[in-house]
Amino acid sequence: MGHVAVTGRVKNPGLVAVPPTLDLKVSEAILKAGGLSTSAKDRAVLVTRRRPDGSIERKTVDLRAILSEGDLASDLTLQNGDVIYVPESLF
């Protein structure tokens, strides 16, 4: 079993376990971290992944589109070691 890190504007930042037999999506990992804080910028969640060659891959996820509009195709499947960062909304 692996872990992903959920950081930034979530209620309980930290490690979230990736179940060995199930896929873990970005929205599920954020919910397991207590959900978004009131100051979260839900349209610009950043997922960072280290590729096998050592390079870094970054993707931006629009969590509002996933949860409010049902855009499930945008809900990335996480891998062991991924880092999710929820930025702060400035307004």
PDB file of N, CA and C in Angstrom:
ATOM      1  N   MET A   1       0.848  -1.180   0.000  1.00  0.00           N
ATOM      2  CA  MET A   1       0.000   0.000   0.000  1.00  0.00           C
ATOM      3  C   MET A   1       0.892   1.242   0.000  1.00  0.00           C
ATOM      4  N   GLY A   2       0.497   2.230  -0.795  1.00  0.00           N
ATOM      5  CA  GLY A   2       1.263   3.455  -0.866  1.00  0.00           C
ATOM      6  C   GLY A   2       0.521   4.620  -0.236  1.00  0.00           C
ATOM      7  N   HIS A   3       1.089   5.796  -0.416  1.00  0.00           N
ATOM      8  CA  HIS A   3       0.506   7.009   0.142  1.00  0.00           C
ATOM      9  C   HIS A   3       0.625   8.153  -0.848  1.00  0.00           C
ATOM     10  N   VAL A   4      -0.281   9.100  -0.724  1.00  0.00           N
ATOM     11  CA  VAL A   4      -0.172  10.393  -1.401  1.00  0.00           C
ATOM     12  C   VAL A   4      -0.193  11.454  -0.313  1.00  0.00           C
ATOM     13  N   ALA A   5       0.430  12.580  -0.591  1.00  0.00           N
ATOM     14  CA  ALA A   5       0.426  13.697   0.351  1.00  0.00           C
ATOM     15  C   ALA A   5      -0.619  14.714  -0.104  1.00  0.00           C
ATOM     16  N   VAL A   6      -1.446  15.153   0.844  1.00  0.00           N
ATOM     17  CA  VAL A   6      -2.441  16.186   0.564  1.00  0.00           C
ATOM     18  C   VAL A   6      -2.056  17.399   1.400  1.00  0.00           C
ATOM     19  N   THR A   7      -1.739  18.504   0.711  1.00  0.00           N
ATOM     20  CA  THR A   7      -1.226  19.689   1.392  1.00  0.00           C
ATOM     21  C   THR A   7      -2.026  20.923   0.986  1.00  0.00           C
ATOM     22  N   GLY A   8      -1.746  22.013   1.648  1.00  0.00           N
ATOM     23  CA  GLY A   8      -2.407  23.275   1.320  1.00  0.00           C
ATOM     24  C   GLY A   8      -3.692  23.456   2.091  1.00  0.00           C
ATOM     25  N   ARG A   9      -4.686  24.030   1.437  1.00  0.00           N
ATOM     26  CA  ARG A   9      -5.932  24.450   2.083  1.00  0.00           C
ATOM     27  C   ARG A   9      -6.952  23.316   2.194  1.00  0.00           C
ATOM     28  N   VAL A  10      -6.571  22.274   2.961  1.00  0.00           N
ATOM     29  CA  VAL A  10      -7.495  21.210   3.338  1.00  0.00           C
ATOM     30  C   VAL A  10      -7.564  21.198   4.861  1.00  0.00           C
ATOM     31  N   LYS A  11      -8.590  20.591   5.411  1.00  0.00           N
ATOM     32  CA  LYS A  11      -8.791  20.645   6.864  1.00  0.00           C
ATOM     33  C   LYS A  11      -7.768  19.819   7.638  1.00  0.00           C
ATOM     34  N   ASN A  12      -7.325  18.680   7.088  1.00  0.00           N
ATOM     35  CA  ASN A  12      -6.363  17.817   7.776  1.00  0.00           C
ATOM     36  C   ASN A  12      -5.243  17.411   6.821  1.00  0.00           C
ATOM     37  N   PRO A  13      -4.287  18.308   6.530  1.00  0.00           N
ATOM     38  CA  PRO A  13      -3.219  17.958   5.604  1.00  0.00           C
ATOM     39  C   PRO A  13      -2.396  16.784   6.134  1.00  0.00           C
ATOM     40  N   GLY A  14      -1.865  16.007   5.199  1.00  0.00           N
ATOM     41  CA  GLY A  14      -1.025  14.887   5.596  1.00  0.00           C
ATOM     42  C   GLY A  14      -1.075  13.781   4.567  1.00  0.00           C
ATOM     43  N   LEU A  15      -0.663  12.587   4.993  1.00  0.00           N
ATOM     44  CA  LEU A  15      -0.632  11.437   4.100  1.00  0.00           C
ATOM     45  C   LEU A  15      -1.982  10.739   4.063  1.00  0.00           C
ATOM     46  N   VAL A  16      -2.358  10.293   2.867  1.00  0.00           N
ATOM     47  CA  VAL A  16      -3.581   9.522   2.663  1.00  0.00           C
ATOM     48  C   VAL A  16      -3.165   8.210   2.013  1.00  0.00           C
ATOM     49  N   ALA A  17      -3.643   7.101   2.557  1.00  0.00           N
ATOM     50  CA  ALA A  17      -3.284   5.785   2.039  1.00  0.00           C
ATOM     51  C   ALA A  17      -3.952   5.526   0.691  1.00  0.00           C
ATOM     52  N   VAL A  18      -3.190   4.918  -0.215  1.00  0.00           N
ATOM     53  CA  VAL A  18      -3.727   4.473  -1.499  1.00  0.00           C
ATOM     54  C   VAL A  18      -4.039   2.992  -1.339  1.00  0.00           C
ATOM     55  N   PRO A  19      -5.310   2.583  -1.408  1.00  0.00           N
ATOM     56  CA  PRO A  19      -5.654   1.171  -1.236  1.00  0.00           C
ATOM     57  C   PRO A  19      -5.004   0.320  -2.329  1.00  0.00           C
ATOM     58  N   PRO A  20      -4.472  -0.862  -1.973  1.00  0.00           N
ATOM     59  CA  PRO A  20      -3.757  -1.681  -2.956  1.00  0.00           C
ATOM     60  C   PRO A  20      -4.654  -2.223  -4.068  1.00  0.00           C
ATOM     61  N   THR A  21      -5.938  -2.365  -3.820  1.00  0.00           N
ATOM     62  CA  THR A  21      -6.820  -2.973  -4.822  1.00  0.00           C
ATOM     63  C   THR A  21      -7.788  -1.987  -5.460  1.00  0.00           C
ATOM     64  N   LEU A  22      -7.760  -0.728  -5.037  1.00  0.00           N
ATOM     65  CA  LEU A  22      -8.705   0.266  -5.554  1.00  0.00           C
ATOM     66  C   LEU A  22      -7.972   1.491  -6.068  1.00  0.00           C
ATOM     67  N   ASP A  23      -8.586   2.164  -7.017  1.00  0.00           N
ATOM     68  CA  ASP A  23      -8.044   3.434  -7.490  1.00  0.00           C
ATOM     69  C   ASP A  23      -8.439   4.533  -6.523  1.00  0.00           C
ATOM     70  N   LEU A  24      -7.543   5.469  -6.301  1.00  0.00           N
ATOM     71  CA  LEU A  24      -7.821   6.630  -5.470  1.00  0.00           C
ATOM     72  C   LEU A  24      -7.795   7.860  -6.379  1.00  0.00           C
ATOM     73  N   LYS A  25      -8.881   8.602  -6.384  1.00  0.00           N
ATOM     74  CA  LYS A  25      -9.002   9.796  -7.213  1.00  0.00           C
ATOM     75  C   LYS A  25      -8.651  11.040  -6.391  1.00  0.00           C
ATOM     76  N   VAL A  26      -8.367  12.131  -7.077  1.00  0.00           N
ATOM     77  CA  VAL A  26      -8.029  13.392  -6.405  1.00  0.00           C
ATOM     78  C   VAL A  26      -9.140  13.806  -5.446  1.00  0.00           C
ATOM     79  N   SER A  27     -10.382  13.762  -5.905  1.00  0.00           N
ATOM     80  CA  SER A  27     -11.503  14.188  -5.054  1.00  0.00           C
ATOM     81  C   SER A  27     -11.604  13.322  -3.797  1.00  0.00           C
ATOM     82  N   GLU A  28     -11.366  12.030  -3.925  1.00  0.00           N
ATOM     83  CA  GLU A  28     -11.439  11.121  -2.766  1.00  0.00           C
ATOM     84  C   GLU A  28     -10.323  11.413  -1.770  1.00  0.00           C
ATOM     85  N   ALA A  29      -9.123  11.673  -2.268  1.00  0.00           N
ATOM     86  CA  ALA A  29      -8.001  11.968  -1.375  1.00  0.00           C
ATOM     87  C   ALA A  29      -8.256  13.252  -0.591  1.00  0.00           C
ATOM     88  N   ILE A  30      -8.824  14.262  -1.251  1.00  0.00           N
ATOM     89  CA  ILE A  30      -9.128  15.517  -0.564  1.00  0.00           C
ATOM     90  C   ILE A  30     -10.213  15.297   0.495  1.00  0.00           C
ATOM     91  N   LEU A  31     -11.212  14.492   0.178  1.00  0.00           N
ATOM     92  CA  LEU A  31     -12.248  14.179   1.175  1.00  0.00           C
ATOM     93  C   LEU A  31     -11.651  13.437   2.368  1.00  0.00           C
ATOM     94  N   LYS A  32     -10.717  12.523   2.123  1.00  0.00           N
ATOM     95  CA  LYS A  32     -10.072  11.789   3.218  1.00  0.00           C
ATOM     96  C   LYS A  32      -9.206  12.708   4.077  1.00  0.00           C
ATOM     97  N   ALA A  33      -8.797  13.837   3.500  1.00  0.00           N
ATOM     98  CA  ALA A  33      -8.015  14.829   4.248  1.00  0.00           C
ATOM     99  C   ALA A  33      -8.934  15.855   4.918  1.00  0.00           C
ATOM    100  N   GLY A  34     -10.208  15.537   5.050  1.00  0.00           N
ATOM    101  CA  GLY A  34     -11.150  16.396   5.756  1.00  0.00           C
ATOM    102  C   GLY A  34     -11.889  17.379   4.875  1.00  0.00           C
ATOM    103  N   GLY A  35     -11.606  17.361   3.577  1.00  0.00           N
ATOM    104  CA  GLY A  35     -12.264  18.296   2.670  1.00  0.00           C
ATOM    105  C   GLY A  35     -11.523  19.615   2.581  1.00  0.00           C
ATOM    106  N   LEU A  36     -12.040  20.499   1.774  1.00  0.00           N
ATOM    107  CA  LEU A  36     -11.415  21.799   1.555  1.00  0.00           C
ATOM    108  C   LEU A  36     -11.696  22.750   2.707  1.00  0.00           C
ATOM    109  N   SER A  37     -10.732  23.605   2.997  1.00  0.00           N
ATOM    110  CA  SER A  37     -10.980  24.674   3.958  1.00  0.00           C
ATOM    111  C   SER A  37     -11.725  25.796   3.231  1.00  0.00           C
ATOM    112  N   THR A  38     -12.252  26.735   3.978  1.00  0.00           N
ATOM    113  CA  THR A  38     -13.070  27.788   3.375  1.00  0.00           C
ATOM    114  C   THR A  38     -12.256  28.691   2.453  1.00  0.00           C
ATOM    115  N   SER A  39     -10.938  28.723   2.612  1.00  0.00           N
ATOM    116  CA  SER A  39     -10.106  29.598   1.787  1.00  0.00           C
ATOM    117  C   SER A  39      -9.483  28.872   0.590  1.00  0.00           C
ATOM    118  N   ALA A  40      -9.947  27.665   0.286  1.00  0.00           N
ATOM    119  CA  ALA A  40      -9.353  26.875  -0.791  1.00  0.00           C
ATOM    120  C   ALA A  40      -9.741  27.385  -2.170  1.00  0.00           C
ATOM    121  N   LYS A  41      -8.794  27.321  -3.081  1.00  0.00           N
ATOM    122  CA  LYS A  41      -9.044  27.657  -4.491  1.00  0.00           C
ATOM    123  C   LYS A  41      -9.308  26.334  -5.209  1.00  0.00           C
ATOM    124  N   ASP A  42     -10.580  25.956  -5.309  1.00  0.00           N
ATOM    125  CA  ASP A  42     -10.949  24.621  -5.788  1.00  0.00           C
ATOM    126  C   ASP A  42     -10.835  24.451  -7.299  1.00  0.00           C
ATOM    127  N   ARG A  43     -10.585  25.521  -8.027  1.00  0.00           N
ATOM    128  CA  ARG A  43     -10.459  25.408  -9.488  1.00  0.00           C
ATOM    129  C   ARG A  43      -9.013  25.225  -9.952  1.00  0.00           C
ATOM    130  N   ALA A  44      -8.062  25.191  -9.012  1.00  0.00           N
ATOM    131  CA  ALA A  44      -6.646  25.111  -9.399  1.00  0.00           C
ATOM    132  C   ALA A  44      -5.853  24.192  -8.474  1.00  0.00           C
ATOM    133  N   VAL A  45      -6.356  22.975  -8.247  1.00  0.00           N
ATOM    134  CA  VAL A  45      -5.664  22.002  -7.413  1.00  0.00           C
ATOM    135  C   VAL A  45      -4.500  21.429  -8.226  1.00  0.00           C
ATOM    136  N   LEU A  46      -3.309  21.421  -7.648  1.00  0.00           N
ATOM    137  CA  LEU A  46      -2.114  20.977  -8.355  1.00  0.00           C
ATOM    138  C   LEU A  46      -1.718  19.567  -7.914  1.00  0.00           C
ATOM    139  N   VAL A  47      -1.540  18.676  -8.898  1.00  0.00           N
ATOM    140  CA  VAL A  47      -1.064  17.320  -8.624  1.00  0.00           C
ATOM    141  C   VAL A  47       0.332  17.196  -9.222  1.00  0.00           C
ATOM    142  N   THR A  48       1.298  16.816  -8.389  1.00  0.00           N
ATOM    143  CA  THR A  48       2.681  16.660  -8.824  1.00  0.00           C
ATOM    144  C   THR A  48       3.065  15.191  -8.704  1.00  0.00           C
ATOM    145  N   ARG A  49       3.705  14.680  -9.768  1.00  0.00           N
ATOM    146  CA  ARG A  49       4.098  13.266  -9.814  1.00  0.00           C
ATOM    147  C   ARG A  49       5.521  13.156 -10.349  1.00  0.00           C
ATOM    148  N   ARG A  50       6.334  12.322  -9.698  1.00  0.00           N
ATOM    149  CA  ARG A  50       7.678  12.060 -10.195  1.00  0.00           C
ATOM    150  C   ARG A  50       7.614  10.858 -11.130  1.00  0.00           C
ATOM    151  N   ARG A  51       8.070  11.045 -12.342  1.00  0.00           N
ATOM    152  CA  ARG A  51       8.085   9.970 -13.333  1.00  0.00           C
ATOM    153  C   ARG A  51       9.268   9.043 -13.084  1.00  0.00           C
ATOM    154  N   PRO A  52       9.217   7.832 -13.649  1.00  0.00           N
ATOM    155  CA  PRO A  52      10.328   6.884 -13.458  1.00  0.00           C
ATOM    156  C   PRO A  52      11.690   7.430 -13.899  1.00  0.00           C
ATOM    157  N   ASP A  53      11.708   8.331 -14.890  1.00  0.00           N
ATOM    158  CA  ASP A  53      12.986   8.895 -15.358  1.00  0.00           C
ATOM    159  C   ASP A  53      13.475  10.041 -14.475  1.00  0.00           C
ATOM    160  N   GLY A  54      12.722  10.351 -13.406  1.00  0.00           N
ATOM    161  CA  GLY A  54      13.120  11.401 -12.473  1.00  0.00           C
ATOM    162  C   GLY A  54      12.529  12.763 -12.774  1.00  0.00           C
ATOM    163  N   SER A  55      11.913  12.931 -13.935  1.00  0.00           N
ATOM    164  CA  SER A  55      11.305  14.216 -14.266  1.00  0.00           C
ATOM    165  C   SER A  55      10.015  14.404 -13.461  1.00  0.00           C
ATOM    166  N   ILE A  56       9.576  15.637 -13.387  1.00  0.00           N
ATOM    167  CA  ILE A  56       8.386  15.984 -12.611  1.00  0.00           C
ATOM    168  C   ILE A  56       7.243  16.304 -13.567  1.00  0.00           C
ATOM    169  N   GLU A  57       6.094  15.724 -13.300  1.00  0.00           N
ATOM    170  CA  GLU A  57       4.883  16.003 -14.074  1.00  0.00           C
ATOM    171  C   GLU A  57       3.914  16.738 -13.165  1.00  0.00           C
ATOM    172  N   ARG A  58       3.357  17.846 -13.660  1.00  0.00           N
ATOM    173  CA  ARG A  58       2.383  18.631 -12.890  1.00  0.00           C
ATOM    174  C   ARG A  58       1.101  18.760 -13.691  1.00  0.00           C
ATOM    175  N   LYS A  59      -0.013  18.557 -13.001  1.00  0.00           N
ATOM    176  CA  LYS A  59      -1.323  18.722 -13.642  1.00  0.00           C
ATOM    177  C   LYS A  59      -2.207  19.544 -12.724  1.00  0.00           C
ATOM    178  N   THR A  60      -3.018  20.410 -13.332  1.00  0.00           N
ATOM    179  CA  THR A  60      -3.974  21.204 -12.578  1.00  0.00           C
ATOM    180  C   THR A  60      -5.347  20.560 -12.726  1.00  0.00           C
ATOM    181  N   VAL A  61      -6.027  20.403 -11.595  1.00  0.00           N
ATOM    182  CA  VAL A  61      -7.341  19.766 -11.563  1.00  0.00           C
ATOM    183  C   VAL A  61      -8.367  20.790 -11.088  1.00  0.00           C
ATOM    184  N   ASP A  62      -9.469  20.877 -11.816  1.00  0.00           N
ATOM    185  CA  ASP A  62     -10.576  21.764 -11.440  1.00  0.00           C
ATOM    186  C   ASP A  62     -11.550  20.950 -10.589  1.00  0.00           C
ATOM    187  N   LEU A  63     -11.358  20.995  -9.280  1.00  0.00           N
ATOM    188  CA  LEU A  63     -12.176  20.195  -8.365  1.00  0.00           C
ATOM    189  C   LEU A  63     -13.642  20.631  -8.392  1.00  0.00           C
ATOM    190  N   ARG A  64     -13.899  21.915  -8.599  1.00  0.00           N
ATOM    191  CA  ARG A  64     -15.285  22.382  -8.657  1.00  0.00           C
ATOM    192  C   ARG A  64     -16.018  21.742  -9.835  1.00  0.00           C
ATOM    193  N   ALA A  65     -15.354  21.621 -10.977  1.00  0.00           N
ATOM    194  CA  ALA A  65     -15.973  20.984 -12.145  1.00  0.00           C
ATOM    195  C   ALA A  65     -16.274  19.511 -11.871  1.00  0.00           C
ATOM    196  N   ILE A  66     -15.405  18.867 -11.123  1.00  0.00           N
ATOM    197  CA  ILE A  66     -15.609  17.450 -10.799  1.00  0.00           C
ATOM    198  C   ILE A  66     -16.795  17.288  -9.854  1.00  0.00           C
ATOM    199  N   LEU A  67     -16.811  18.056  -8.773  1.00  0.00           N
ATOM    200  CA  LEU A  67     -17.829  17.872  -7.730  1.00  0.00           C
ATOM    201  C   LEU A  67     -19.161  18.525  -8.054  1.00  0.00           C
ATOM    202  N   SER A  68     -19.144  19.702  -8.649  1.00  0.00           N
ATOM    203  CA  SER A  68     -20.395  20.430  -8.899  1.00  0.00           C
ATOM    204  C   SER A  68     -20.994  20.149 -10.261  1.00  0.00           C
ATOM    205  N   GLU A  69     -20.118  19.947 -11.247  1.00  0.00           N
ATOM    206  CA  GLU A  69     -20.589  19.797 -12.617  1.00  0.00           C
ATOM    207  C   GLU A  69     -20.513  18.367 -13.127  1.00  0.00           C
ATOM    208  N   GLY A  70     -19.972  17.454 -12.312  1.00  0.00           N
ATOM    209  CA  GLY A  70     -19.930  16.049 -12.694  1.00  0.00           C
ATOM    210  C   GLY A  70     -18.892  15.691 -13.737  1.00  0.00           C
ATOM    211  N   ASP A  71     -17.833  16.477 -13.856  1.00  0.00           N
ATOM    212  CA  ASP A  71     -16.771  16.218 -14.834  1.00  0.00           C
ATOM    213  C   ASP A  71     -15.820  15.150 -14.293  1.00  0.00           C
ATOM    214  N   LEU A  72     -16.306  13.909 -14.217  1.00  0.00           N
ATOM    215  CA  LEU A  72     -15.538  12.827 -13.606  1.00  0.00           C
ATOM    216  C   LEU A  72     -14.290  12.455 -14.396  1.00  0.00           C
ATOM    217  N   ALA A  73     -14.258  12.750 -15.677  1.00  0.00           N
ATOM    218  CA  ALA A  73     -13.083  12.434 -16.498  1.00  0.00           C
ATOM    219  C   ALA A  73     -11.853  13.227 -16.056  1.00  0.00           C
ATOM    220  N   SER A  74     -12.073  14.367 -15.407  1.00  0.00           N
ATOM    221  CA  SER A  74     -10.958  15.197 -14.946  1.00  0.00           C
ATOM    222  C   SER A  74     -10.418  14.771 -13.584  1.00  0.00           C
ATOM    223  N   ASP A  75     -11.094  13.842 -12.921  1.00  0.00           N
ATOM    224  CA  ASP A  75     -10.688  13.392 -11.585  1.00  0.00           C
ATOM    225  C   ASP A  75      -9.569  12.363 -11.738  1.00  0.00           C
ATOM    226  N   LEU A  76      -8.324  12.821 -11.649  1.00  0.00           N
ATOM    227  CA  LEU A  76      -7.161  11.968 -11.903  1.00  0.00           C
ATOM    228  C   LEU A  76      -7.066  10.801 -10.934  1.00  0.00           C
ATOM    229  N   THR A  77      -6.608   9.667 -11.448  1.00  0.00           N
ATOM    230  CA  THR A  77      -6.278   8.525 -10.599  1.00  0.00           C
ATOM    231  C   THR A  77      -4.870   8.749 -10.070  1.00  0.00           C
ATOM    232  N   LEU A  78      -4.724   8.674  -8.763  1.00  0.00           N
ATOM    233  CA  LEU A  78      -3.446   8.952  -8.119  1.00  0.00           C
ATOM    234  C   LEU A  78      -2.543   7.730  -8.086  1.00  0.00           C
ATOM    235  N   GLN A  79      -1.256   7.995  -7.955  1.00  0.00           N
ATOM    236  CA  GLN A  79      -0.252   6.945  -7.818  1.00  0.00           C
ATOM    237  C   GLN A  79       0.524   7.178  -6.533  1.00  0.00           C
ATOM    238  N   ASN A  80       1.124   6.114  -6.019  1.00  0.00           N
ATOM    239  CA  ASN A  80       1.940   6.212  -4.817  1.00  0.00           C
ATOM    240  C   ASN A  80       2.977   7.322  -4.986  1.00  0.00           C
ATOM    241  N   GLY A  81       3.059   8.201  -3.995  1.00  0.00           N
ATOM    242  CA  GLY A  81       4.046   9.269  -4.012  1.00  0.00           C
ATOM    243  C   GLY A  81       3.567  10.583  -4.590  1.00  0.00           C
ATOM    244  N   ASP A  82       2.371  10.611  -5.175  1.00  0.00           N
ATOM    245  CA  ASP A  82       1.841  11.867  -5.716  1.00  0.00           C
ATOM    246  C   ASP A  82       1.643  12.883  -4.587  1.00  0.00           C
ATOM    247  N   VAL A  83       1.728  14.153  -4.951  1.00  0.00           N
ATOM    248  CA  VAL A  83       1.493  15.240  -3.995  1.00  0.00           C
ATOM    249  C   VAL A  83       0.366  16.102  -4.541  1.00  0.00           C
ATOM    250  N   ILE A  84      -0.645  16.332  -3.712  1.00  0.00           N
ATOM    251  CA  ILE A  84      -1.769  17.189  -4.052  1.00  0.00           C
ATOM    252  C   ILE A  84      -1.619  18.469  -3.254  1.00  0.00           C
ATOM    253  N   TYR A  85      -1.669  19.606  -3.957  1.00  0.00           N
ATOM    254  CA  TYR A  85      -1.574  20.905  -3.294  1.00  0.00           C
ATOM    255  C   TYR A  85      -2.825  21.715  -3.623  1.00  0.00           C
ATOM    256  N   VAL A  86      -3.541  22.119  -2.579  1.00  0.00           N
ATOM    257  CA  VAL A  86      -4.720  22.956  -2.752  1.00  0.00           C
ATOM    258  C   VAL A  86      -4.323  24.383  -2.378  1.00  0.00           C
ATOM    259  N   PRO A  87      -4.267  25.287  -3.376  1.00  0.00           N
ATOM    260  CA  PRO A  87      -3.838  26.665  -3.084  1.00  0.00           C
ATOM    261  C   PRO A  87      -4.915  27.461  -2.366  1.00  0.00           C
ATOM    262  N   GLU A  88      -4.507  28.619  -1.878  1.00  0.00           N
ATOM    263  CA  GLU A  88      -5.425  29.529  -1.194  1.00  0.00           C
ATOM    264  C   GLU A  88      -6.056  30.472  -2.209  1.00  0.00           C
ATOM    265  N   SER A  89      -7.348  30.682  -2.062  1.00  0.00           N
ATOM    266  CA  SER A  89      -8.047  31.653  -2.887  1.00  0.00           C
ATOM    267  C   SER A  89      -7.804  33.027  -2.291  1.00  0.00           C
ATOM    268  N   LEU A  90      -7.435  33.969  -3.126  1.00  0.00           N
ATOM    269  CA  LEU A  90      -7.113  35.304  -2.630  1.00  0.00           C
ATOM    270  C   LEU A  90      -8.320  36.224  -2.556  1.00  0.00           C
ATOM    271  N   PHE A  91      -9.483  35.720  -2.971  1.00  0.00           N
ATOM    272  CA  PHE A  91     -10.699  36.536  -2.896  1.00  0.00           C
ATOM    273  C   PHE A  91     -11.882  35.686  -2.580  1.00  0.00           C
TER     274      PHE A  91
END
